[in-house]
ModelCIF file with pLDDT and N, C-alpha, C, O atoms, coordinates in Angstrom:
data_MODEL
#
_entry.id   MODEL 
#
_entity.id                         1 
_entity.type                       polymer 
_entity.pdbx_number_of_molecules   1 
#
_entity_poly.entity_id                      1 
_entity_poly.type                           'polypeptide(L)' 
_entity_poly.nstd_linkage                   no 
_entity_poly.nstd_monomer                   no 
_entity_poly.pdbx_seq_one_letter_code       WKNNGSKMNGSWEEIFGKGLHTDEIFMAYYFARFVDKVTE 
_entity_poly.pdbx_seq_one_letter_code_can   WKNNGSKMNGSWEEIFGKGLHTDEIFMAYYFARFVDKVTE 
_entity_poly.pdbx_strand_id                 A 
#
loop_
_entity_poly_seq.entity_id 
_entity_poly_seq.num 
_entity_poly_seq.mon_id 
_entity_poly_seq.hetero 
1 1  TRP n 
1 2  LYS n 
1 3  ASN n 
1 4  ASN n 
1 5  GLY n 
1 6  SER n 
1 7  LYS n 
1 8  MET n 
1 9  ASN n 
1 10 GLY n 
1 11 SER n 
1 12 TRP n 
1 13 GLU n 
1 14 GLU n 
1 15 ILE n 
1 16 PHE n 
1 17 GLY n 
1 18 LYS n 
1 19 GLY n 
1 20 LEU n 
1 21 HIS n 
1 22 THR n 
1 23 ASP n 
1 24 GLU n 
1 25 ILE n 
1 26 PHE n 
1 27 MET n 
1 28 ALA n 
1 29 TYR n 
1 30 TYR n 
1 31 PHE n 
1 32 ALA n 
1 33 ARG n 
1 34 PHE n 
1 35 VAL n 
1 36 ASP n 
1 37 LYS n 
1 38 VAL n 
1 39 THR n 
1 40 GLU n 
#
_struct_asym.id          A 
_struct_asym.entity_id   1 
#
loop_
_ma_qa_metric.id 
_ma_qa_metric.mode 
_ma_qa_metric.name 
_ma_qa_metric.software_group_id 
_ma_qa_metric.type 
1 global pLDDT . pLDDT 
2 local  pLDDT . pLDDT 
#
_ma_qa_metric_global.metric_id      1 
_ma_qa_metric_global.metric_value   97.22 
_ma_qa_metric_global.model_id       1 
_ma_qa_metric_global.ordinal_id     1 
#
loop_
_ma_qa_metric_local.label_asym_id 
_ma_qa_metric_local.label_comp_id 
_ma_qa_metric_local.label_seq_id 
_ma_qa_metric_local.metric_id 
_ma_qa_metric_local.metric_value 
_ma_qa_metric_local.model_id 
_ma_qa_metric_local.ordinal_id 
A TRP 1  2 97.00 1 1  
A LYS 2  2 96.00 1 2  
A ASN 3  2 95.00 1 3  
A ASN 4  2 95.00 1 4  
A GLY 5  2 95.00 1 5  
A SER 6  2 96.00 1 6  
A LYS 7  2 95.00 1 7  
A MET 8  2 94.00 1 8  
A ASN 9  2 95.00 1 9  
A GLY 10 2 96.00 1 10 
A SER 11 2 97.00 1 11 
A TRP 12 2 98.00 1 12 
A GLU 13 2 98.00 1 13 
A GLU 14 2 97.00 1 14 
A ILE 15 2 98.00 1 15 
A PHE 16 2 98.00 1 16 
A GLY 17 2 97.00 1 17 
A LYS 18 2 97.00 1 18 
A GLY 19 2 97.00 1 19 
A LEU 20 2 98.00 1 20 
A HIS 21 2 98.00 1 21 
A THR 22 2 98.00 1 22 
A ASP 23 2 98.00 1 23 
A GLU 24 2 98.00 1 24 
A ILE 25 2 98.00 1 25 
A PHE 26 2 98.00 1 26 
A MET 27 2 98.00 1 27 
A ALA 28 2 98.00 1 28 
A TYR 29 2 98.00 1 29 
A TYR 30 2 98.00 1 30 
A PHE 31 2 98.00 1 31 
A ALA 32 2 98.00 1 32 
A ARG 33 2 98.00 1 33 
A PHE 34 2 98.00 1 34 
A VAL 35 2 98.00 1 35 
A ASP 36 2 98.00 1 36 
A LYS 37 2 98.00 1 37 
A VAL 38 2 98.00 1 38 
A THR 39 2 98.00 1 39 
A GLU 40 2 98.00 1 40 
#
loop_
_atom_site.group_PDB 
_atom_site.id 
_atom_site.type_symbol 
_atom_site.label_atom_id 
_atom_site.label_alt_id 
_atom_site.label_comp_id 
_atom_site.label_asym_id 
_atom_site.label_entity_id 
_atom_site.label_seq_id 
_atom_site.pdbx_PDB_ins_code 
_atom_site.Cartn_x 
_atom_site.Cartn_y 
_atom_site.Cartn_z 
_atom_site.occupancy 
_atom_site.B_iso_or_equiv 
_atom_site.pdbx_formal_charge 
_atom_site.auth_seq_id 
_atom_site.auth_comp_id 
_atom_site.auth_asym_id 
_atom_site.auth_atom_id 
_atom_site.pdbx_PDB_model_num 
ATOM 1   N N  . TRP A 1 1  ? 3.761  -0.641  -48.465 1.00 97.00 ? 1  TRP A N  1 
ATOM 2   C CA . TRP A 1 1  ? 4.231  -1.438  -49.618 1.00 97.00 ? 1  TRP A CA 1 
ATOM 3   C C  . TRP A 1 1  ? 3.271  -1.282  -50.796 1.00 97.00 ? 1  TRP A C  1 
ATOM 4   O O  . TRP A 1 1  ? 3.694  -1.066  -51.932 1.00 97.00 ? 1  TRP A O  1 
ATOM 5   N N  . LYS A 1 2  ? 1.969  -1.396  -50.509 1.00 96.00 ? 2  LYS A N  1 
ATOM 6   C CA . LYS A 1 2  ? 0.960  -1.307  -51.566 1.00 96.00 ? 2  LYS A CA 1 
ATOM 7   C C  . LYS A 1 2  ? 0.960  0.071   -52.232 1.00 96.00 ? 2  LYS A C  1 
ATOM 8   O O  . LYS A 1 2  ? 0.856  0.173   -53.455 1.00 96.00 ? 2  LYS A O  1 
ATOM 9   N N  . ASN A 1 3  ? 1.077  1.121   -51.431 1.00 95.00 ? 3  ASN A N  1 
ATOM 10  C CA . ASN A 1 3  ? 1.048  2.481   -51.979 1.00 95.00 ? 3  ASN A CA 1 
ATOM 11  C C  . ASN A 1 3  ? 2.230  2.783   -52.880 1.00 95.00 ? 3  ASN A C  1 
ATOM 12  O O  . ASN A 1 3  ? 2.194  3.711   -53.687 1.00 95.00 ? 3  ASN A O  1 
ATOM 13  N N  . ASN A 1 4  ? 3.280  1.984   -52.731 1.00 95.00 ? 4  ASN A N  1 
ATOM 14  C CA . ASN A 1 4  ? 4.456  2.189   -53.582 1.00 95.00 ? 4  ASN A CA 1 
ATOM 15  C C  . ASN A 1 4  ? 4.520  1.162   -54.711 1.00 95.00 ? 4  ASN A C  1 
ATOM 16  O O  . ASN A 1 4  ? 5.560  0.999   -55.350 1.00 95.00 ? 4  ASN A O  1 
ATOM 17  N N  . GLY A 1 5  ? 3.394  0.465   -54.956 1.00 95.00 ? 5  GLY A N  1 
ATOM 18  C CA . GLY A 1 5  ? 3.326  -0.413  -56.116 1.00 95.00 ? 5  GLY A CA 1 
ATOM 19  C C  . GLY A 1 5  ? 3.544  -1.883  -55.852 1.00 95.00 ? 5  GLY A C  1 
ATOM 20  O O  . GLY A 1 5  ? 3.571  -2.674  -56.795 1.00 95.00 ? 5  GLY A O  1 
ATOM 21  N N  . SER A 1 6  ? 3.703  -2.282  -54.587 1.00 96.00 ? 6  SER A N  1 
ATOM 22  C CA . SER A 1 6  ? 3.917  -3.703  -54.222 1.00 96.00 ? 6  SER A CA 1 
ATOM 23  C C  . SER A 1 6  ? 5.031  -4.328  -55.048 1.00 96.00 ? 6  SER A C  1 
ATOM 24  O O  . SER A 1 6  ? 4.906  -5.460  -55.517 1.00 96.00 ? 6  SER A O  1 
ATOM 25  N N  . LYS A 1 7  ? 6.115  -3.590  -55.224 1.00 95.00 ? 7  LYS A N  1 
ATOM 26  C CA . LYS A 1 7  ? 7.248  -4.095  -56.019 1.00 95.00 ? 7  LYS A CA 1 
ATOM 27  C C  . LYS A 1 7  ? 7.883  -5.300  -55.341 1.00 95.00 ? 7  LYS A C  1 
ATOM 28  O O  . LYS A 1 7  ? 7.857  -5.416  -54.115 1.00 95.00 ? 7  LYS A O  1 
ATOM 29  N N  . MET A 1 8  ? 8.444  -6.181  -56.128 1.00 94.00 ? 8  MET A N  1 
ATOM 30  C CA . MET A 1 8  ? 9.012  -7.435  -55.630 1.00 94.00 ? 8  MET A CA 1 
ATOM 31  C C  . MET A 1 8  ? 10.537 -7.404  -55.560 1.00 94.00 ? 8  MET A C  1 
ATOM 32  O O  . MET A 1 8  ? 11.159 -8.347  -55.071 1.00 94.00 ? 8  MET A O  1 
ATOM 33  N N  . ASN A 1 9  ? 11.130 -6.331  -56.045 1.00 95.00 ? 9  ASN A N  1 
ATOM 34  C CA . ASN A 1 9  ? 12.589 -6.283  -56.110 1.00 95.00 ? 9  ASN A CA 1 
ATOM 35  C C  . ASN A 1 9  ? 13.017 -4.823  -56.212 1.00 95.00 ? 9  ASN A C  1 
ATOM 36  O O  . ASN A 1 9  ? 12.418 -4.041  -56.951 1.00 95.00 ? 9  ASN A O  1 
ATOM 37  N N  . GLY A 1 10 ? 14.070 -4.461  -55.455 1.00 96.00 ? 10 GLY A N  1 
ATOM 38  C CA . GLY A 1 10 ? 14.569 -3.103  -55.551 1.00 96.00 ? 10 GLY A CA 1 
ATOM 39  C C  . GLY A 1 10 ? 15.222 -2.642  -54.267 1.00 96.00 ? 10 GLY A C  1 
ATOM 40  O O  . GLY A 1 10 ? 15.300 -3.385  -53.289 1.00 96.00 ? 10 GLY A O  1 
ATOM 41  N N  . SER A 1 11 ? 15.694 -1.396  -54.283 1.00 97.00 ? 11 SER A N  1 
ATOM 42  C CA . SER A 1 11 ? 16.317 -0.804  -53.102 1.00 97.00 ? 11 SER A CA 1 
ATOM 43  C C  . SER A 1 11 ? 15.236 -0.454  -52.077 1.00 97.00 ? 11 SER A C  1 
ATOM 44  O O  . SER A 1 11 ? 14.042 -0.604  -52.339 1.00 97.00 ? 11 SER A O  1 
ATOM 45  N N  . TRP A 1 12 ? 15.671 0.010   -50.922 1.00 98.00 ? 12 TRP A N  1 
ATOM 46  C CA . TRP A 1 12 ? 14.728 0.356   -49.865 1.00 98.00 ? 12 TRP A CA 1 
ATOM 47  C C  . TRP A 1 12 ? 13.752 1.440   -50.329 1.00 98.00 ? 12 TRP A C  1 
ATOM 48  O O  . TRP A 1 12 ? 12.549 1.344   -50.089 1.00 98.00 ? 12 TRP A O  1 
ATOM 49  N N  . GLU A 1 13 ? 14.271 2.452   -50.981 1.00 98.00 ? 13 GLU A N  1 
ATOM 50  C CA . GLU A 1 13 ? 13.388 3.532   -51.440 1.00 98.00 ? 13 GLU A CA 1 
ATOM 51  C C  . GLU A 1 13 ? 12.555 3.125   -52.653 1.00 98.00 ? 13 GLU A C  1 
ATOM 52  O O  . GLU A 1 13 ? 11.467 3.659   -52.870 1.00 98.00 ? 13 GLU A O  1 
ATOM 53  N N  . GLU A 1 14 ? 13.063 2.183   -53.442 1.00 97.00 ? 14 GLU A N  1 
ATOM 54  C CA . GLU A 1 14 ? 12.269 1.686   -54.569 1.00 97.00 ? 14 GLU A CA 1 
ATOM 55  C C  . GLU A 1 14 ? 11.099 0.833   -54.092 1.00 97.00 ? 14 GLU A C  1 
ATOM 56  O O  . GLU A 1 14 ? 10.023 0.859   -54.690 1.00 97.00 ? 14 GLU A O  1 
ATOM 57  N N  . ILE A 1 15 ? 11.305 0.084   -53.024 1.00 98.00 ? 15 ILE A N  1 
ATOM 58  C CA . ILE A 1 15 ? 10.242 -0.791  -52.502 1.00 98.00 ? 15 ILE A CA 1 
ATOM 59  C C  . ILE A 1 15 ? 9.256  -0.003  -51.638 1.00 98.00 ? 15 ILE A C  1 
ATOM 60  O O  . ILE A 1 15 ? 8.046  -0.202  -51.744 1.00 98.00 ? 15 ILE A O  1 
ATOM 61  N N  . PHE A 1 16 ? 9.759  0.880   -50.792 1.00 98.00 ? 16 PHE A N  1 
ATOM 62  C CA . PHE A 1 16 ? 8.906  1.524   -49.793 1.00 98.00 ? 16 PHE A CA 1 
ATOM 63  C C  . PHE A 1 16 ? 8.707  3.024   -50.020 1.00 98.00 ? 16 PHE A C  1 
ATOM 64  O O  . PHE A 1 16 ? 7.904  3.640   -49.320 1.00 98.00 ? 16 PHE A O  1 
ATOM 65  N N  . GLY A 1 17 ? 9.404  3.618   -50.961 1.00 97.00 ? 17 GLY A N  1 
ATOM 66  C CA . GLY A 1 17 ? 9.284  5.046   -51.199 1.00 97.00 ? 17 GLY A CA 1 
ATOM 67  C C  . GLY A 1 17 ? 10.272 5.845   -50.363 1.00 97.00 ? 17 GLY A C  1 
ATOM 68  O O  . GLY A 1 17 ? 10.944 5.302   -49.486 1.00 97.00 ? 17 GLY A O  1 
ATOM 69  N N  . LYS A 1 18 ? 10.349 7.125   -50.642 1.00 97.00 ? 18 LYS A N  1 
ATOM 70  C CA . LYS A 1 18 ? 11.259 7.995   -49.906 1.00 97.00 ? 18 LYS A CA 1 
ATOM 71  C C  . LYS A 1 18 ? 10.548 8.596   -48.700 1.00 97.00 ? 18 LYS A C  1 
ATOM 72  O O  . LYS A 1 18 ? 9.371  8.951   -48.764 1.00 97.00 ? 18 LYS A O  1 
ATOM 73  N N  . GLY A 1 19 ? 11.296 8.702   -47.588 1.00 97.00 ? 19 GLY A N  1 
ATOM 74  C CA . GLY A 1 19 ? 10.725 9.319   -46.402 1.00 97.00 ? 19 GLY A CA 1 
ATOM 75  C C  . GLY A 1 19 ? 11.234 8.690   -45.119 1.00 97.00 ? 19 GLY A C  1 
ATOM 76  O O  . GLY A 1 19 ? 11.942 7.683   -45.145 1.00 97.00 ? 19 GLY A O  1 
ATOM 77  N N  . LEU A 1 20 ? 10.869 9.292   -43.998 1.00 98.00 ? 20 LEU A N  1 
ATOM 78  C CA . LEU A 1 20 ? 11.294 8.779   -42.694 1.00 98.00 ? 20 LEU A CA 1 
ATOM 79  C C  . LEU A 1 20 ? 10.759 7.380   -42.439 1.00 98.00 ? 20 LEU A C  1 
ATOM 80  O O  . LEU A 1 20 ? 11.389 6.587   -41.738 1.00 98.00 ? 20 LEU A O  1 
ATOM 81  N N  . HIS A 1 21 ? 9.580  7.072   -43.015 1.00 98.00 ? 21 HIS A N  1 
ATOM 82  C CA . HIS A 1 21 ? 9.014  5.735   -42.817 1.00 98.00 ? 21 HIS A CA 1 
ATOM 83  C C  . HIS A 1 21 ? 9.941  4.659   -43.385 1.00 98.00 ? 21 HIS A C  1 
ATOM 84  O O  . HIS A 1 21 ? 10.071 3.584   -42.800 1.00 98.00 ? 21 HIS A O  1 
ATOM 85  N N  . THR A 1 22 ? 10.581 4.939   -44.511 1.00 98.00 ? 22 THR A N  1 
ATOM 86  C CA . THR A 1 22 ? 11.505 3.972   -45.105 1.00 98.00 ? 22 THR A CA 1 
ATOM 87  C C  . THR A 1 22 ? 12.795 3.906   -44.297 1.00 98.00 ? 22 THR A C  1 
ATOM 88  O O  . THR A 1 22 ? 13.354 2.824   -44.113 1.00 98.00 ? 22 THR A O  1 
ATOM 89  N N  . ASP A 1 23 ? 13.273 5.050   -43.811 1.00 98.00 ? 23 ASP A N  1 
ATOM 90  C CA . ASP A 1 23 ? 14.448 5.037   -42.935 1.00 98.00 ? 23 ASP A CA 1 
ATOM 91  C C  . ASP A 1 23 ? 14.199 4.134   -41.728 1.00 98.00 ? 23 ASP A C  1 
ATOM 92  O O  . ASP A 1 23 ? 15.077 3.377   -41.314 1.00 98.00 ? 23 ASP A O  1 
ATOM 93  N N  . GLU A 1 24 ? 12.994 4.224   -41.171 1.00 98.00 ? 24 GLU A N  1 
ATOM 94  C CA . GLU A 1 24 ? 12.681 3.422   -39.987 1.00 98.00 ? 24 GLU A CA 1 
ATOM 95  C C  . GLU A 1 24 ? 12.580 1.937   -40.331 1.00 98.00 ? 24 GLU A C  1 
ATOM 96  O O  . GLU A 1 24 ? 13.073 1.096   -39.580 1.00 98.00 ? 24 GLU A O  1 
ATOM 97  N N  . ILE A 1 25 ? 11.953 1.609   -41.446 1.00 98.00 ? 25 ILE A N  1 
ATOM 98  C CA . ILE A 1 25 ? 11.847 0.206   -41.862 1.00 98.00 ? 25 ILE A CA 1 
ATOM 99  C C  . ILE A 1 25 ? 13.235 -0.389  -42.075 1.00 98.00 ? 25 ILE A C  1 
ATOM 100 O O  . ILE A 1 25 ? 13.518 -1.499  -41.624 1.00 98.00 ? 25 ILE A O  1 
ATOM 101 N N  . PHE A 1 26 ? 14.093 0.353   -42.762 1.00 98.00 ? 26 PHE A N  1 
ATOM 102 C CA . PHE A 1 26 ? 15.475 -0.078  -43.007 1.00 98.00 ? 26 PHE A CA 1 
ATOM 103 C C  . PHE A 1 26 ? 16.194 -0.331  -41.686 1.00 98.00 ? 26 PHE A C  1 
ATOM 104 O O  . PHE A 1 26 ? 16.845 -1.361  -41.512 1.00 98.00 ? 26 PHE A O  1 
ATOM 105 N N  . MET A 1 27 ? 16.072 0.609   -40.766 1.00 98.00 ? 27 MET A N  1 
ATOM 106 C CA . MET A 1 27 ? 16.785 0.496   -39.488 1.00 98.00 ? 27 MET A CA 1 
ATOM 107 C C  . MET A 1 27 ? 16.229 -0.656  -38.652 1.00 98.00 ? 27 MET A C  1 
ATOM 108 O O  . MET A 1 27 ? 16.980 -1.360  -37.977 1.00 98.00 ? 27 MET A O  1 
ATOM 109 N N  . ALA A 1 28 ? 14.919 -0.842  -38.701 1.00 98.00 ? 28 ALA A N  1 
ATOM 110 C CA . ALA A 1 28 ? 14.304 -1.943  -37.954 1.00 98.00 ? 28 ALA A CA 1 
ATOM 111 C C  . ALA A 1 28 ? 14.857 -3.282  -38.416 1.00 98.00 ? 28 ALA A C  1 
ATOM 112 O O  . ALA A 1 28 ? 15.130 -4.168  -37.605 1.00 98.00 ? 28 ALA A O  1 
ATOM 113 N N  . TYR A 1 29 ? 15.017 -3.419  -39.723 1.00 98.00 ? 29 TYR A N  1 
ATOM 114 C CA . TYR A 1 29 ? 15.533 -4.693  -40.249 1.00 98.00 ? 29 TYR A CA 1 
ATOM 115 C C  . TYR A 1 29 ? 16.922 -4.987  -39.680 1.00 98.00 ? 29 TYR A C  1 
ATOM 116 O O  . TYR A 1 29 ? 17.188 -6.111  -39.254 1.00 98.00 ? 29 TYR A O  1 
ATOM 117 N N  . TYR A 1 30 ? 17.801 -3.997  -39.669 1.00 98.00 ? 30 TYR A N  1 
ATOM 118 C CA . TYR A 1 30 ? 19.174 -4.267  -39.238 1.00 98.00 ? 30 TYR A CA 1 
ATOM 119 C C  . TYR A 1 30 ? 19.319 -4.326  -37.727 1.00 98.00 ? 30 TYR A C  1 
ATOM 120 O O  . TYR A 1 30 ? 20.188 -5.041  -37.227 1.00 98.00 ? 30 TYR A O  1 
ATOM 121 N N  . PHE A 1 31 ? 18.496 -3.598  -36.986 1.00 98.00 ? 31 PHE A N  1 
ATOM 122 C CA . PHE A 1 31 ? 18.446 -3.830  -35.540 1.00 98.00 ? 31 PHE A CA 1 
ATOM 123 C C  . PHE A 1 31 ? 18.006 -5.269  -35.264 1.00 98.00 ? 31 PHE A C  1 
ATOM 124 O O  . PHE A 1 31 ? 18.607 -5.966  -34.447 1.00 98.00 ? 31 PHE A O  1 
ATOM 125 N N  . ALA A 1 32 ? 16.959 -5.697  -35.951 1.00 98.00 ? 32 ALA A N  1 
ATOM 126 C CA . ALA A 1 32 ? 16.414 -7.040  -35.726 1.00 98.00 ? 32 ALA A CA 1 
ATOM 127 C C  . ALA A 1 32 ? 17.420 -8.120  -36.102 1.00 98.00 ? 32 ALA A C  1 
ATOM 128 O O  . ALA A 1 32 ? 17.542 -9.116  -35.389 1.00 98.00 ? 32 ALA A O  1 
ATOM 129 N N  . ARG A 1 33 ? 18.141 -7.947  -37.203 1.00 98.00 ? 33 ARG A N  1 
ATOM 130 C CA . ARG A 1 33 ? 19.139 -8.938  -37.607 1.00 98.00 ? 33 ARG A CA 1 
ATOM 131 C C  . ARG A 1 33 ? 20.232 -9.055  -36.554 1.00 98.00 ? 33 ARG A C  1 
ATOM 132 O O  . ARG A 1 33 ? 20.660 -10.159 -36.219 1.00 98.00 ? 33 ARG A O  1 
ATOM 133 N N  . PHE A 1 34 ? 20.682 -7.917  -36.033 1.00 98.00 ? 34 PHE A N  1 
ATOM 134 C CA . PHE A 1 34 ? 21.718 -7.907  -34.999 1.00 98.00 ? 34 PHE A CA 1 
ATOM 135 C C  . PHE A 1 34 ? 21.234 -8.693  -33.777 1.00 98.00 ? 34 PHE A C  1 
ATOM 136 O O  . PHE A 1 34 ? 21.919 -9.596  -33.296 1.00 98.00 ? 34 PHE A O  1 
ATOM 137 N N  . VAL A 1 35 ? 20.043 -8.337  -33.284 1.00 98.00 ? 35 VAL A N  1 
ATOM 138 C CA . VAL A 1 35 ? 19.519 -8.988  -32.082 1.00 98.00 ? 35 VAL A CA 1 
ATOM 139 C C  . VAL A 1 35 ? 19.276 -10.473 -32.336 1.00 98.00 ? 35 VAL A C  1 
ATOM 140 O O  . VAL A 1 35 ? 19.495 -11.300 -31.451 1.00 98.00 ? 35 VAL A O  1 
ATOM 141 N N  . ASP A 1 36 ? 18.830 -10.806 -33.528 1.00 98.00 ? 36 ASP A N  1 
ATOM 142 C CA . ASP A 1 36 ? 18.570 -12.212 -33.833 1.00 98.00 ? 36 ASP A CA 1 
ATOM 143 C C  . ASP A 1 36 ? 19.848 -13.034 -33.795 1.00 98.00 ? 36 ASP A C  1 
ATOM 144 O O  . ASP A 1 36 ? 19.848 -14.161 -33.301 1.00 98.00 ? 36 ASP A O  1 
ATOM 145 N N  . LYS A 1 37 ? 20.933 -12.477 -34.311 1.00 98.00 ? 37 LYS A N  1 
ATOM 146 C CA . LYS A 1 37 ? 22.202 -13.211 -34.295 1.00 98.00 ? 37 LYS A CA 1 
ATOM 147 C C  . LYS A 1 37 ? 22.721 -13.387 -32.876 1.00 98.00 ? 37 LYS A C  1 
ATOM 148 O O  . LYS A 1 37 ? 23.262 -14.439 -32.537 1.00 98.00 ? 37 LYS A O  1 
ATOM 149 N N  . VAL A 1 38 ? 22.559 -12.367 -32.049 1.00 98.00 ? 38 VAL A N  1 
ATOM 150 C CA . VAL A 1 38 ? 22.944 -12.485 -30.639 1.00 98.00 ? 38 VAL A CA 1 
ATOM 151 C C  . VAL A 1 38 ? 22.102 -13.562 -29.960 1.00 98.00 ? 38 VAL A C  1 
ATOM 152 O O  . VAL A 1 38 ? 22.631 -14.409 -29.240 1.00 98.00 ? 38 VAL A O  1 
ATOM 153 N N  . THR A 1 39 ? 20.803 -13.526 -30.191 1.00 98.00 ? 39 THR A N  1 
ATOM 154 C CA . THR A 1 39 ? 19.889 -14.488 -29.568 1.00 98.00 ? 39 THR A CA 1 
ATOM 155 C C  . THR A 1 39 ? 20.158 -15.904 -30.053 1.00 98.00 ? 39 THR A C  1 
ATOM 156 O O  . THR A 1 39 ? 20.143 -16.850 -29.265 1.00 98.00 ? 39 THR A O  1 
ATOM 157 N N  . GLU A 1 40 ? 20.401 -16.046 -31.338 1.00 98.00 ? 40 GLU A N  1 
ATOM 158 C CA . GLU A 1 40 ? 20.693 -17.366 -31.897 1.00 98.00 ? 40 GLU A CA 1 
ATOM 159 C C  . GLU A 1 40 ? 21.927 -17.965 -31.248 1.00 98.00 ? 40 GLU A C  1 
ATOM 160 O O  . GLU A 1 40 ? 22.327 -19.077 -31.593 1.00 98.00 ? 40 GLU A O  1 
#
């Protein structure tokens, strides 16, 4: 986050930069949301 400017608003690539690391962060969020709703 810091290396990409610690932005407070934007798309996934605007906040985290372009690359596989951002793909993984994006996917982690939606896997986690799915599991959280099931668990809830």
